[in-house]
Amino acid sequence: MTETRLHLRPAPGSKITTAQGTRAILDGIKPNAQSTVPDAGPKPPWLRVRLPTGAKYQEVMDIVRSHRLSTVCAESKCPNLAECWGRGTATLMLMGSVCTRACRFCSVNTGNPQGWLDAEEPACVATAVALMDLKYVVLTSVDRDDLPDGGAAHYAACIRAIHARMPGTAVEALTPDFGGEHRHVAAVLDAGLATYAQNLETVRRLTHPVRDPRAGYEQTLGILRFAKAHAPRTITKTSLMLGLGETDVEIEQALDDMRAADVDVVTMGQYMRPTKNHLPVERFVTPEEFNGYRELALAKGFLEVVAGPLVRSSYRAERVLEQNNVGLAPRVLDGLREAAATMRC
């Protein structure tokens, strides 16, 4: 009789070793006291997404794999992966798939790469962008506190490689905080960016425990303020996750703090728990509520506000200046209708 062997994925929070020999925690967070705490309830209808499929999705997947790239789309379990990859767009994640930090909302693996970098990555990234024929590309990365500059020089090398290969491609960088070192932020900006992003993630009160202790609310605001002063023509951008227990008053204060730091664009989306070891969802924000937060933020003078249940910081990033919530209005209305129909049933 032939023996069948099942290759099961290790459980979230397990210790793993990557292909580069880095020891890491799978999905970033070990089992803890909140692992048994349930979410506020089942996912509402407007958070349902289709599974990845289609020829274009497979084409992007093949390019990513063949060029040894990581994407935040896959590593962070983004709900928009099917849509974005189906349109031939992706957010590329630099410097590997192991982060030195352990934010309690994020499912990226946590460990210490001990200085490992792929010297060929800038060329591989540029080639992938060319193969996808991207006119706008978002680069992000894990935090690399093990590197003296946090990886800023590597970021800059990737940006310059893209410009050399695809001069007409605009680049957005969603970077780590580089430990608050503005000179490292400047190195990335000076490589030539259309948009610079650093995510606030949540309101001041919830920064810890939501974010790693090495991150900071004021630290992020300081980076965004510096970025706009250093490169005034570069759009600055940040993001909030909602559903972690924040209040409307705290959301409005965070928006005021962003404007005081000269942030141009803010995105707001629903926090969704990646694994049971991560923070539970405290509430599911309705599409109608997101519309209200968007109107509130626009009234404060942001260049654009992208808000909706499935919005993530780089979602439809190339469309952010259309000033129409990146075309989300029909989806919002459909979500409300579907929710209403479900409640009637």
C-alpha atoms as a PDB file:
ATOM      1  CA  MET A   1       0.000   0.000   0.000  1.00  0.00           C
ATOM      2  CA  THR A   2       1.340   3.424  -0.933  1.00  0.00           C
ATOM      3  CA  GLU A   3       1.895   5.761   1.997  1.00  0.00           C
ATOM      4  CA  THR A   4       0.454   9.258   1.632  1.00  0.00           C
ATOM      5  CA  ARG A   5       2.353  12.016   3.416  1.00  0.00           C
ATOM      6  CA  LEU A   6       0.622  15.259   4.230  1.00  0.00           C
ATOM      7  CA  HIS A   7       2.780  18.393   4.193  1.00  0.00           C
ATOM      8  CA  LEU A   8       0.977  20.521   6.740  1.00  0.00           C
ATOM      9  CA  ARG A   9       1.784  24.191   7.224  1.00  0.00           C
ATOM     10  CA  PRO A  10       3.167  24.873  10.708  1.00  0.00           C
ATOM     11  CA  ALA A  11       0.713  26.491  13.097  1.00  0.00           C
ATOM     12  CA  PRO A  12       0.736  30.306  13.424  1.00  0.00           C
ATOM     13  CA  GLY A  13       3.242  31.302  16.091  1.00  0.00           C
ATOM     14  CA  SER A  14       5.482  28.282  15.431  1.00  0.00           C
ATOM     15  CA  LYS A  15       9.246  28.584  15.115  1.00  0.00           C
ATOM     16  CA  ILE A  16      10.467  28.184  11.538  1.00  0.00           C
ATOM     17  CA  THR A  17      13.712  28.511   9.596  1.00  0.00           C
ATOM     18  CA  THR A  18      13.634  30.381   6.284  1.00  0.00           C
ATOM     19  CA  ALA A  19      15.484  29.452   3.104  1.00  0.00           C
ATOM     20  CA  GLN A  20      18.135  32.026   4.093  1.00  0.00           C
ATOM     21  CA  GLY A  21      18.660  30.311   7.440  1.00  0.00           C
ATOM     22  CA  THR A  22      16.834  32.926   9.511  1.00  0.00           C
ATOM     23  CA  ARG A  23      14.965  31.622  12.516  1.00  0.00           C
ATOM     24  CA  ALA A  24      11.575  33.264  12.774  1.00  0.00           C
ATOM     25  CA  ILE A  25       8.111  33.138  14.311  1.00  0.00           C
ATOM     26  CA  LEU A  26       5.552  32.195  11.668  1.00  0.00           C
ATOM     27  CA  ASP A  27       2.966  34.979  11.205  1.00  0.00           C
ATOM     28  CA  GLY A  28       4.830  37.136  13.695  1.00  0.00           C
ATOM     29  CA  ILE A  29       3.098  36.501  17.033  1.00  0.00           C
ATOM     30  CA  LYS A  30       3.353  33.548  19.423  1.00  0.00           C
ATOM     31  CA  PRO A  31       0.253  32.163  21.206  1.00  0.00           C
ATOM     32  CA  ASN A  32      -0.683  34.451  24.083  1.00  0.00           C
ATOM     33  CA  ALA A  33      -3.464  35.337  26.513  1.00  0.00           C
ATOM     34  CA  GLN A  34      -5.558  36.919  23.753  1.00  0.00           C
ATOM     35  CA  SER A  35      -5.378  33.884  21.494  1.00  0.00           C
ATOM     36  CA  THR A  36      -8.660  32.646  22.968  1.00  0.00           C
ATOM     37  CA  VAL A  37     -10.419  36.033  22.883  1.00  0.00           C
ATOM     38  CA  PRO A  38     -12.995  36.057  20.083  1.00  0.00           C
ATOM     39  CA  ASP A  39     -13.619  38.862  17.606  1.00  0.00           C
ATOM     40  CA  ALA A  40     -16.598  41.166  18.036  1.00  0.00           C
ATOM     41  CA  GLY A  41     -18.615  38.856  15.802  1.00  0.00           C
ATOM     42  CA  PRO A  42     -18.587  37.117  12.422  1.00  0.00           C
ATOM     43  CA  LYS A  43     -17.381  39.014   9.370  1.00  0.00           C
ATOM     44  CA  PRO A  44     -20.181  41.123   7.913  1.00  0.00           C
ATOM     45  CA  PRO A  45     -21.187  40.720   4.235  1.00  0.00           C
ATOM     46  CA  TRP A  46     -19.198  43.702   3.014  1.00  0.00           C
ATOM     47  CA  LEU A  47     -15.916  42.039   4.029  1.00  0.00           C
ATOM     48  CA  ARG A  48     -16.371  38.977   1.828  1.00  0.00           C
ATOM     49  CA  VAL A  49     -13.742  38.677  -0.896  1.00  0.00           C
ATOM     50  CA  ARG A  50     -13.258  36.221  -3.732  1.00  0.00           C
ATOM     51  CA  LEU A  51     -10.361  33.777  -3.834  1.00  0.00           C
ATOM     52  CA  PRO A  52      -7.400  34.639  -6.094  1.00  0.00           C
ATOM     53  CA  THR A  53      -7.849  33.315  -9.618  1.00  0.00           C
ATOM     54  CA  GLY A  54      -7.436  34.194 -13.282  1.00  0.00           C
ATOM     55  CA  ALA A  55      -4.705  34.362 -15.901  1.00  0.00           C
ATOM     56  CA  LYS A  56      -3.406  37.801 -14.892  1.00  0.00           C
ATOM     57  CA  TYR A  57      -3.203  36.801 -11.235  1.00  0.00           C
ATOM     58  CA  GLN A  58      -1.187  33.714 -12.211  1.00  0.00           C
ATOM     59  CA  GLU A  59       1.091  35.813 -14.428  1.00  0.00           C
ATOM     60  CA  VAL A  60       1.930  38.168 -11.566  1.00  0.00           C
ATOM     61  CA  MET A  61       2.451  35.211  -9.220  1.00  0.00           C
ATOM     62  CA  ASP A  62       4.886  33.649 -11.701  1.00  0.00           C
ATOM     63  CA  ILE A  63       6.867  36.904 -12.035  1.00  0.00           C
ATOM     64  CA  VAL A  64       7.061  37.323  -8.262  1.00  0.00           C
ATOM     65  CA  ARG A  65       8.243  33.761  -7.715  1.00  0.00           C
ATOM     66  CA  SER A  66      10.705  33.625 -10.593  1.00  0.00           C
ATOM     67  CA  HIS A  67      12.434  36.816  -9.410  1.00  0.00           C
ATOM     68  CA  ARG A  68      12.579  35.738  -5.747  1.00  0.00           C
ATOM     69  CA  LEU A  69      10.390  38.632  -4.626  1.00  0.00           C
ATOM     70  CA  SER A  70       8.183  39.001  -1.580  1.00  0.00           C
ATOM     71  CA  THR A  71       4.932  40.949  -1.752  1.00  0.00           C
ATOM     72  CA  VAL A  72       3.111  42.605   1.079  1.00  0.00           C
ATOM     73  CA  CYS A  73      -0.030  41.438  -0.713  1.00  0.00           C
ATOM     74  CA  ALA A  74       0.688  37.813   0.215  1.00  0.00           C
ATOM     75  CA  GLU A  75       2.732  38.248   3.404  1.00  0.00           C
ATOM     76  CA  SER A  76       0.095  40.441   5.090  1.00  0.00           C
ATOM     77  CA  LYS A  77      -2.847  38.355   3.800  1.00  0.00           C
ATOM     78  CA  CYS A  78      -4.307  41.415   2.045  1.00  0.00           C
ATOM     79  CA  PRO A  79      -8.012  40.978   1.162  1.00  0.00           C
ATOM     80  CA  ASN A  80      -7.488  42.829  -2.128  1.00  0.00           C
ATOM     81  CA  LEU A  81      -4.829  40.474  -3.502  1.00  0.00           C
ATOM     82  CA  ALA A  82      -7.158  38.945  -6.098  1.00  0.00           C
ATOM     83  CA  GLU A  83      -8.312  42.325  -7.391  1.00  0.00           C
ATOM     84  CA  CYS A  84      -4.897  43.985  -7.522  1.00  0.00           C
ATOM     85  CA  TRP A  85      -2.998  41.048  -9.003  1.00  0.00           C
ATOM     86  CA  GLY A  86      -5.832  40.513 -11.449  1.00  0.00           C
ATOM     87  CA  ARG A  87      -5.234  44.074 -12.672  1.00  0.00           C
ATOM     88  CA  GLY A  88      -1.502  43.382 -12.942  1.00  0.00           C
ATOM     89  CA  THR A  89      -0.420  45.502  -9.959  1.00  0.00           C
ATOM     90  CA  ALA A  90       1.424  44.537  -6.805  1.00  0.00           C
ATOM     91  CA  THR A  91       3.132  46.058  -3.799  1.00  0.00           C
ATOM     92  CA  LEU A  92       6.646  44.635  -3.621  1.00  0.00           C
ATOM     93  CA  MET A  93       8.193  43.950  -0.224  1.00  0.00           C
ATOM     94  CA  LEU A  94      11.942  44.524  -0.033  1.00  0.00           C
ATOM     95  CA  MET A  95      14.648  42.945   2.132  1.00  0.00           C
ATOM     96  CA  GLY A  96      13.049  39.571   2.647  1.00  0.00           C
ATOM     97  CA  SER A  97       9.981  38.320   4.489  1.00  0.00           C
ATOM     98  CA  VAL A  98      11.267  38.366   8.084  1.00  0.00           C
ATOM     99  CA  CYS A  99      10.698  41.494  10.174  1.00  0.00           C
ATOM    100  CA  THR A 100      12.722  42.409  13.248  1.00  0.00           C
ATOM    101  CA  ARG A 101       9.584  43.748  14.916  1.00  0.00           C
ATOM    102  CA  ALA A 102       6.440  42.064  16.209  1.00  0.00           C
ATOM    103  CA  CYS A 103       3.473  44.384  15.795  1.00  0.00           C
ATOM    104  CA  ARG A 104       0.362  42.685  17.096  1.00  0.00           C
ATOM    105  CA  PHE A 105      -1.749  43.426  14.027  1.00  0.00           C
ATOM    106  CA  CYS A 106       0.710  42.148  11.416  1.00  0.00           C
ATOM    107  CA  SER A 107       1.178  38.610  10.077  1.00  0.00           C
ATOM    108  CA  VAL A 108       4.675  39.039   8.632  1.00  0.00           C
ATOM    109  CA  ASN A 109       7.159  36.571  10.144  1.00  0.00           C
ATOM    110  CA  THR A 110       9.273  37.930  13.013  1.00  0.00           C
ATOM    111  CA  GLY A 111      12.962  37.203  13.569  1.00  0.00           C
ATOM    112  CA  ASN A 112      16.490  38.549  13.161  1.00  0.00           C
ATOM    113  CA  PRO A 113      17.967  38.227   9.634  1.00  0.00           C
ATOM    114  CA  GLN A 114      21.353  39.247  11.111  1.00  0.00           C
ATOM    115  CA  GLY A 115      22.318  41.523   8.254  1.00  0.00           C
ATOM    116  CA  TRP A 116      21.232  39.274   5.372  1.00  0.00           C
ATOM    117  CA  LEU A 117      20.351  41.123   2.160  1.00  0.00           C
ATOM    118  CA  ASP A 118      19.904  39.968  -1.420  1.00  0.00           C
ATOM    119  CA  ALA A 119      22.390  42.044  -3.413  1.00  0.00           C
ATOM    120  CA  GLU A 120      20.546  41.155  -6.615  1.00  0.00           C
ATOM    121  CA  GLU A 121      17.187  42.421  -5.385  1.00  0.00           C
ATOM    122  CA  PRO A 122      17.362  45.924  -6.946  1.00  0.00           C
ATOM    123  CA  ALA A 123      17.909  44.401 -10.401  1.00  0.00           C
ATOM    124  CA  CYS A 124      15.230  41.756  -9.800  1.00  0.00           C
ATOM    125  CA  VAL A 125      12.706  44.373  -8.670  1.00  0.00           C
ATOM    126  CA  ALA A 126      13.402  46.545 -11.715  1.00  0.00           C
ATOM    127  CA  THR A 127      13.007  43.558 -14.030  1.00  0.00           C
ATOM    128  CA  ALA A 128       9.721  42.559 -12.402  1.00  0.00           C
ATOM    129  CA  VAL A 129       8.360  46.096 -12.736  1.00  0.00           C
ATOM    130  CA  ALA A 130       9.338  46.081 -16.413  1.00  0.00           C
ATOM    131  CA  LEU A 131       7.734  42.681 -17.033  1.00  0.00           C
ATOM    132  CA  MET A 132       4.514  43.854 -15.384  1.00  0.00           C
ATOM    133  CA  ASP A 133       4.796  47.099 -17.353  1.00  0.00           C
ATOM    134  CA  LEU A 134       3.847  49.096 -14.270  1.00  0.00           C
ATOM    135  CA  LYS A 135       3.363  52.842 -14.556  1.00  0.00           C
ATOM    136  CA  TYR A 136       3.103  53.148 -10.775  1.00  0.00           C
ATOM    137  CA  VAL A 137       4.729  50.809  -8.279  1.00  0.00           C
ATOM    138  CA  VAL A 138       4.606  50.663  -4.484  1.00  0.00           C
ATOM    139  CA  LEU A 139       7.666  49.465  -2.596  1.00  0.00           C
ATOM    140  CA  THR A 140       7.442  48.525   1.041  1.00  0.00           C
ATOM    141  CA  SER A 141       9.527  46.375   3.349  1.00  0.00           C
ATOM    142  CA  VAL A 142       9.917  44.603   6.621  1.00  0.00           C
ATOM    143  CA  ASP A 143      11.584  46.501   9.456  1.00  0.00           C
ATOM    144  CA  ARG A 144      15.306  45.780   9.487  1.00  0.00           C
ATOM    145  CA  ASP A 145      16.632  47.008  12.820  1.00  0.00           C
ATOM    146  CA  ASP A 146      19.571  44.616  12.330  1.00  0.00           C
ATOM    147  CA  LEU A 147      20.978  46.898   9.589  1.00  0.00           C
ATOM    148  CA  PRO A 148      22.901  50.078  10.542  1.00  0.00           C
ATOM    149  CA  ASP A 149      20.702  52.249   8.298  1.00  0.00           C
ATOM    150  CA  GLY A 150      17.544  50.172   8.593  1.00  0.00           C
ATOM    151  CA  GLY A 151      17.883  49.293   4.924  1.00  0.00           C
ATOM    152  CA  ALA A 152      17.604  52.860   3.591  1.00  0.00           C
ATOM    153  CA  ALA A 153      20.479  52.456   1.126  1.00  0.00           C
ATOM    154  CA  HIS A 154      18.935  49.244  -0.198  1.00  0.00           C
ATOM    155  CA  TYR A 155      15.597  51.027  -0.655  1.00  0.00           C
ATOM    156  CA  ALA A 156      17.338  53.798  -2.587  1.00  0.00           C
ATOM    157  CA  ALA A 157      19.153  51.264  -4.778  1.00  0.00           C
ATOM    158  CA  CYS A 158      15.857  49.589  -5.685  1.00  0.00           C
ATOM    159  CA  ILE A 159      14.224  52.920  -6.521  1.00  0.00           C
ATOM    160  CA  ARG A 160      17.135  53.977  -8.732  1.00  0.00           C
ATOM    161  CA  ALA A 161      17.157  50.600 -10.480  1.00  0.00           C
ATOM    162  CA  ILE A 162      13.478  51.019 -11.348  1.00  0.00           C
ATOM    163  CA  HIS A 163      14.061  54.541 -12.680  1.00  0.00           C
ATOM    164  CA  ALA A 164      16.994  53.322 -14.776  1.00  0.00           C
ATOM    165  CA  ARG A 165      14.949  50.479 -16.291  1.00  0.00           C
ATOM    166  CA  MET A 166      11.554  52.244 -16.430  1.00  0.00           C
ATOM    167  CA  PRO A 167      12.089  56.033 -16.491  1.00  0.00           C
ATOM    168  CA  GLY A 168       8.375  56.726 -16.783  1.00  0.00           C
ATOM    169  CA  THR A 169       7.356  54.655 -13.760  1.00  0.00           C
ATOM    170  CA  ALA A 170       6.364  56.563 -10.633  1.00  0.00           C
ATOM    171  CA  VAL A 171       7.479  55.022  -7.338  1.00  0.00           C
ATOM    172  CA  GLU A 172       5.775  55.116  -3.954  1.00  0.00           C
ATOM    173  CA  ALA A 173       7.711  53.977  -0.884  1.00  0.00           C
ATOM    174  CA  LEU A 174       5.956  52.787   2.262  1.00  0.00           C
ATOM    175  CA  THR A 175       8.948  52.552   4.556  1.00  0.00           C
ATOM    176  CA  PRO A 176       9.828  51.466   8.080  1.00  0.00           C
ATOM    177  CA  ASP A 177      10.473  54.260  10.576  1.00  0.00           C
ATOM    178  CA  PHE A 178      14.265  53.752  10.441  1.00  0.00           C
ATOM    179  CA  GLY A 179      14.331  54.206  14.202  1.00  0.00           C
ATOM    180  CA  GLY A 180      13.343  57.848  13.742  1.00  0.00           C
ATOM    181  CA  GLU A 181      16.619  58.690  11.939  1.00  0.00           C
ATOM    182  CA  HIS A 182      15.672  61.413   9.456  1.00  0.00           C
ATOM    183  CA  ARG A 183      18.904  61.071   7.483  1.00  0.00           C
ATOM    184  CA  HIS A 184      17.835  57.583   6.454  1.00  0.00           C
ATOM    185  CA  VAL A 185      14.436  58.899   5.370  1.00  0.00           C
ATOM    186  CA  ALA A 186      16.261  61.536   3.295  1.00  0.00           C
ATOM    187  CA  ALA A 187      18.303  58.833   1.547  1.00  0.00           C
ATOM    188  CA  VAL A 188      15.086  57.190   0.327  1.00  0.00           C
ATOM    189  CA  LEU A 189      13.443  60.465  -0.670  1.00  0.00           C
ATOM    190  CA  ASP A 190      16.509  61.591  -2.611  1.00  0.00           C
ATOM    191  CA  ALA A 191      16.305  58.494  -4.834  1.00  0.00           C
ATOM    192  CA  GLY A 192      13.219  60.030  -6.452  1.00  0.00           C
ATOM    193  CA  LEU A 193       9.695  59.360  -5.175  1.00  0.00           C
ATOM    194  CA  ALA A 194       6.203  60.319  -6.243  1.00  0.00           C
ATOM    195  CA  THR A 195       4.801  59.418  -2.819  1.00  0.00           C
ATOM    196  CA  TYR A 196       6.364  58.769   0.587  1.00  0.00           C
ATOM    197  CA  ALA A 197       4.338  56.845   3.173  1.00  0.00           C
ATOM    198  CA  GLN A 198       4.866  55.915   6.807  1.00  0.00           C
ATOM    199  CA  ASN A 199       1.890  54.449   8.625  1.00  0.00           C
ATOM    200  CA  LEU A 200       0.579  55.772  11.928  1.00  0.00           C
ATOM    201  CA  GLU A 201      -1.546  52.579  12.057  1.00  0.00           C
ATOM    202  CA  THR A 202      -3.738  53.554  15.031  1.00  0.00           C
ATOM    203  CA  VAL A 203      -4.638  56.324  17.468  1.00  0.00           C
ATOM    204  CA  ARG A 204      -2.212  57.567  20.109  1.00  0.00           C
ATOM    205  CA  ARG A 205      -3.711  55.607  23.024  1.00  0.00           C
ATOM    206  CA  LEU A 206      -3.563  52.285  21.181  1.00  0.00           C
ATOM    207  CA  THR A 207      -0.092  52.664  19.662  1.00  0.00           C
ATOM    208  CA  HIS A 208       1.122  50.245  22.293  1.00  0.00           C
ATOM    209  CA  PRO A 209       0.116  47.424  22.357  1.00  0.00           C
ATOM    210  CA  VAL A 210      -0.903  47.573  18.655  1.00  0.00           C
ATOM    211  CA  ARG A 211       2.594  48.453  17.396  1.00  0.00           C
ATOM    212  CA  ASP A 212       5.981  47.098  18.419  1.00  0.00           C
ATOM    213  CA  PRO A 213       7.524  48.997  21.375  1.00  0.00           C
ATOM    214  CA  ARG A 214      10.226  50.388  19.057  1.00  0.00           C
ATOM    215  CA  ALA A 215       7.592  52.173  16.982  1.00  0.00           C
ATOM    216  CA  GLY A 216       6.004  55.394  18.164  1.00  0.00           C
ATOM    217  CA  TYR A 217       3.109  57.716  17.422  1.00  0.00           C
ATOM    218  CA  GLU A 218       5.202  60.887  17.647  1.00  0.00           C
ATOM    219  CA  GLN A 219       8.119  59.197  15.891  1.00  0.00           C
ATOM    220  CA  THR A 220       5.982  58.463  12.835  1.00  0.00           C
ATOM    221  CA  LEU A 221       4.506  61.965  12.795  1.00  0.00           C
ATOM    222  CA  GLY A 222       8.021  63.390  13.007  1.00  0.00           C
ATOM    223  CA  ILE A 223       9.130  61.340  10.006  1.00  0.00           C
ATOM    224  CA  LEU A 224       6.152  62.482   7.936  1.00  0.00           C
ATOM    225  CA  ARG A 225       6.750  66.112   8.898  1.00  0.00           C
ATOM    226  CA  PHE A 226      10.425  65.811   7.948  1.00  0.00           C
ATOM    227  CA  ALA A 227       9.601  64.110   4.626  1.00  0.00           C
ATOM    228  CA  LYS A 228       7.336  66.950   3.509  1.00  0.00           C
ATOM    229  CA  ALA A 229       9.891  69.585   4.558  1.00  0.00           C
ATOM    230  CA  HIS A 230      12.776  67.735   2.854  1.00  0.00           C
ATOM    231  CA  ALA A 231      10.907  66.987  -0.383  1.00  0.00           C
ATOM    232  CA  PRO A 232       7.952  69.409  -0.652  1.00  0.00           C
ATOM    233  CA  ARG A 233       6.865  68.109  -4.062  1.00  0.00           C
ATOM    234  CA  THR A 234       6.611  64.525  -2.826  1.00  0.00           C
ATOM    235  CA  ILE A 235       3.148  63.472  -1.678  1.00  0.00           C
ATOM    236  CA  THR A 236       3.129  62.286   1.929  1.00  0.00           C
ATOM    237  CA  LYS A 237       0.737  59.618   3.072  1.00  0.00           C
ATOM    238  CA  THR A 238      -0.229  57.643   6.166  1.00  0.00           C
ATOM    239  CA  SER A 239      -2.836  55.104   7.228  1.00  0.00           C
ATOM    240  CA  LEU A 240      -5.180  54.166  10.067  1.00  0.00           C
ATOM    241  CA  MET A 241      -6.704  50.755  10.844  1.00  0.00           C
ATOM    242  CA  LEU A 242     -10.122  51.001  12.469  1.00  0.00           C
ATOM    243  CA  GLY A 243     -11.821  48.420  14.654  1.00  0.00           C
ATOM    244  CA  LEU A 244      -9.170  48.103  17.365  1.00  0.00           C
ATOM    245  CA  GLY A 245     -11.107  49.944  20.062  1.00  0.00           C
ATOM    246  CA  GLU A 246     -10.511  53.551  19.035  1.00  0.00           C
ATOM    247  CA  THR A 247     -13.163  56.212  19.605  1.00  0.00           C
ATOM    248  CA  ASP A 248     -14.449  58.839  17.176  1.00  0.00           C
ATOM    249  CA  VAL A 249     -12.784  61.541  19.272  1.00  0.00           C
ATOM    250  CA  GLU A 250      -9.449  59.714  19.025  1.00  0.00           C
ATOM    251  CA  ILE A 251      -9.821  59.280  15.266  1.00  0.00           C
ATOM    252  CA  GLU A 252     -10.451  62.989  14.834  1.00  0.00           C
ATOM    253  CA  GLN A 253      -7.431  63.838  16.993  1.00  0.00           C
ATOM    254  CA  ALA A 254      -5.244  61.536  14.908  1.00  0.00           C
ATOM    255  CA  LEU A 255      -6.459  63.278  11.746  1.00  0.00           C
ATOM    256  CA  ASP A 256      -5.628  66.662  13.289  1.00  0.00           C
ATOM    257  CA  ASP A 257      -2.159  65.396  14.226  1.00  0.00           C
ATOM    258  CA  MET A 258      -1.597  64.220  10.641  1.00  0.00           C
ATOM    259  CA  ARG A 259      -2.580  67.566   9.193  1.00  0.00           C
ATOM    260  CA  ALA A 260      -0.283  69.314  11.669  1.00  0.00           C
ATOM    261  CA  ALA A 261       2.512  67.155  10.209  1.00  0.00           C
ATOM    262  CA  ASP A 262       1.570  68.305   6.663  1.00  0.00           C
ATOM    263  CA  VAL A 263       0.362  64.869   5.562  1.00  0.00           C
ATOM    264  CA  ASP A 264      -1.345  65.029   2.159  1.00  0.00           C
ATOM    265  CA  VAL A 265      -3.205  61.711   1.969  1.00  0.00           C
ATOM    266  CA  VAL A 266      -4.683  59.372   4.560  1.00  0.00           C
ATOM    267  CA  THR A 267      -6.178  55.919   4.060  1.00  0.00           C
ATOM    268  CA  MET A 268      -8.542  54.223   6.494  1.00  0.00           C
ATOM    269  CA  GLY A 269      -9.589  50.577   6.464  1.00  0.00           C
ATOM    270  CA  GLN A 270     -10.974  47.818   8.653  1.00  0.00           C
ATOM    271  CA  TYR A 271      -8.543  45.907  10.862  1.00  0.00           C
ATOM    272  CA  MET A 272      -8.915  42.189  10.255  1.00  0.00           C
ATOM    273  CA  ARG A 273      -7.266  39.669  12.552  1.00  0.00           C
ATOM    274  CA  PRO A 274      -4.659  37.637  10.631  1.00  0.00           C
ATOM    275  CA  THR A 275      -4.493  34.739  13.126  1.00  0.00           C
ATOM    276  CA  LYS A 276      -5.957  33.943  16.526  1.00  0.00           C
ATOM    277  CA  ASN A 277      -2.680  35.093  18.149  1.00  0.00           C
ATOM    278  CA  HIS A 278      -3.165  38.668  16.927  1.00  0.00           C
ATOM    279  CA  LEU A 279      -5.323  41.367  18.483  1.00  0.00           C
ATOM    280  CA  PRO A 280      -9.056  40.659  18.288  1.00  0.00           C
ATOM    281  CA  VAL A 281     -11.390  42.842  16.253  1.00  0.00           C
ATOM    282  CA  GLU A 282     -13.270  45.142  18.631  1.00  0.00           C
ATOM    283  CA  ARG A 283     -15.835  46.319  16.061  1.00  0.00           C
ATOM    284  CA  PHE A 284     -16.668  46.077  12.377  1.00  0.00           C
ATOM    285  CA  VAL A 285     -16.927  49.552  10.884  1.00  0.00           C
ATOM    286  CA  THR A 286     -19.732  49.880   8.330  1.00  0.00           C
ATOM    287  CA  PRO A 287     -19.227  51.317   4.835  1.00  0.00           C
ATOM    288  CA  GLU A 288     -21.502  54.187   5.839  1.00  0.00           C
ATOM    289  CA  GLU A 289     -19.280  54.989   8.825  1.00  0.00           C
ATOM    290  CA  PHE A 290     -16.203  54.953   6.597  1.00  0.00           C
ATOM    291  CA  ASN A 291     -17.911  57.468   4.328  1.00  0.00           C
ATOM    292  CA  GLY A 292     -18.481  59.675   7.362  1.00  0.00           C
ATOM    293  CA  TYR A 293     -14.831  59.477   8.422  1.00  0.00           C
ATOM    294  CA  ARG A 294     -13.790  60.338   4.868  1.00  0.00           C
ATOM    295  CA  GLU A 295     -15.968  63.450   4.815  1.00  0.00           C
ATOM    296  CA  LEU A 296     -14.620  64.480   8.221  1.00  0.00           C
ATOM    297  CA  ALA A 297     -11.024  64.123   7.042  1.00  0.00           C
ATOM    298  CA  LEU A 298     -11.609  65.910   3.728  1.00  0.00           C
ATOM    299  CA  ALA A 299     -13.059  68.847   5.636  1.00  0.00           C
ATOM    300  CA  LYS A 300      -9.751  69.101   7.497  1.00  0.00           C
ATOM    301  CA  GLY A 301      -7.881  69.782   4.248  1.00  0.00           C
ATOM    302  CA  PHE A 302      -6.332  66.483   3.161  1.00  0.00           C
ATOM    303  CA  LEU A 303      -5.574  66.276  -0.541  1.00  0.00           C
ATOM    304  CA  GLU A 304      -7.395  62.944  -0.628  1.00  0.00           C
ATOM    305  CA  VAL A 305      -8.858  60.453   1.835  1.00  0.00           C
ATOM    306  CA  VAL A 306      -9.307  56.822   0.822  1.00  0.00           C
ATOM    307  CA  ALA A 307     -11.675  55.053   3.194  1.00  0.00           C
ATOM    308  CA  GLY A 308     -13.562  51.770   3.121  1.00  0.00           C
ATOM    309  CA  PRO A 309     -13.715  48.366   4.820  1.00  0.00           C
ATOM    310  CA  LEU A 310     -11.204  46.695   2.466  1.00  0.00           C
ATOM    311  CA  VAL A 311      -8.906  49.702   2.011  1.00  0.00           C
ATOM    312  CA  ARG A 312      -5.233  49.132   2.774  1.00  0.00           C
ATOM    313  CA  SER A 313      -2.470  51.734   2.651  1.00  0.00           C
ATOM    314  CA  SER A 314      -1.340  50.892  -0.889  1.00  0.00           C
ATOM    315  CA  TYR A 315      -4.756  49.932  -2.305  1.00  0.00           C
ATOM    316  CA  ARG A 316      -5.252  51.488  -5.763  1.00  0.00           C
ATOM    317  CA  ALA A 317      -2.363  53.796  -4.876  1.00  0.00           C
ATOM    318  CA  GLU A 318      -1.947  54.938  -8.470  1.00  0.00           C
ATOM    319  CA  ARG A 319      -5.492  56.378  -8.418  1.00  0.00           C
ATOM    320  CA  VAL A 320      -5.234  58.333  -5.187  1.00  0.00           C
ATOM    321  CA  LEU A 321      -5.322  61.788  -6.807  1.00  0.00           C
ATOM    322  CA  GLU A 322      -8.594  61.159  -8.649  1.00  0.00           C
ATOM    323  CA  GLN A 323     -10.349  62.585  -5.561  1.00  0.00           C
ATOM    324  CA  ASN A 324     -13.202  60.069  -5.829  1.00  0.00           C
ATOM    325  CA  ASN A 325     -12.223  57.619  -3.061  1.00  0.00           C
ATOM    326  CA  VAL A 326     -10.342  55.653  -5.775  1.00  0.00           C
ATOM    327  CA  GLY A 327     -13.669  54.697  -7.326  1.00  0.00           C
ATOM    328  CA  LEU A 328     -15.011  52.923  -4.260  1.00  0.00           C
ATOM    329  CA  ALA A 329     -18.450  54.547  -4.185  1.00  0.00           C
ATOM    330  CA  PRO A 330     -20.227  51.810  -6.206  1.00  0.00           C
ATOM    331  CA  ARG A 331     -18.666  49.083  -4.060  1.00  0.00           C
ATOM    332  CA  VAL A 332     -19.731  50.854  -0.860  1.00  0.00           C
ATOM    333  CA  LEU A 333     -23.318  51.085  -2.050  1.00  0.00           C
ATOM    334  CA  ASP A 334     -23.311  47.447  -3.138  1.00  0.00           C
ATOM    335  CA  GLY A 335     -22.007  46.446   0.272  1.00  0.00           C
ATOM    336  CA  LEU A 336     -24.753  48.338   2.059  1.00  0.00           C
ATOM    337  CA  ARG A 337     -27.420  46.814  -0.176  1.00  0.00           C
ATOM    338  CA  GLU A 338     -26.057  43.330   0.388  1.00  0.00           C
ATOM    339  CA  ALA A 339     -25.924  43.867   4.141  1.00  0.00           C
ATOM    340  CA  ALA A 340     -29.511  45.156   4.163  1.00  0.00           C
ATOM    341  CA  ALA A 341     -30.689  42.157   2.129  1.00  0.00           C
ATOM    342  CA  THR A 342     -28.939  39.797   4.529  1.00  0.00           C
ATOM    343  CA  MET A 343     -30.600  41.408   7.542  1.00  0.00           C
ATOM    344  CA  ARG A 344     -34.047  41.137   5.884  1.00  0.00           C
ATOM    345  CA  CYS A 345     -33.483  37.415   5.366  1.00  0.00           C
END
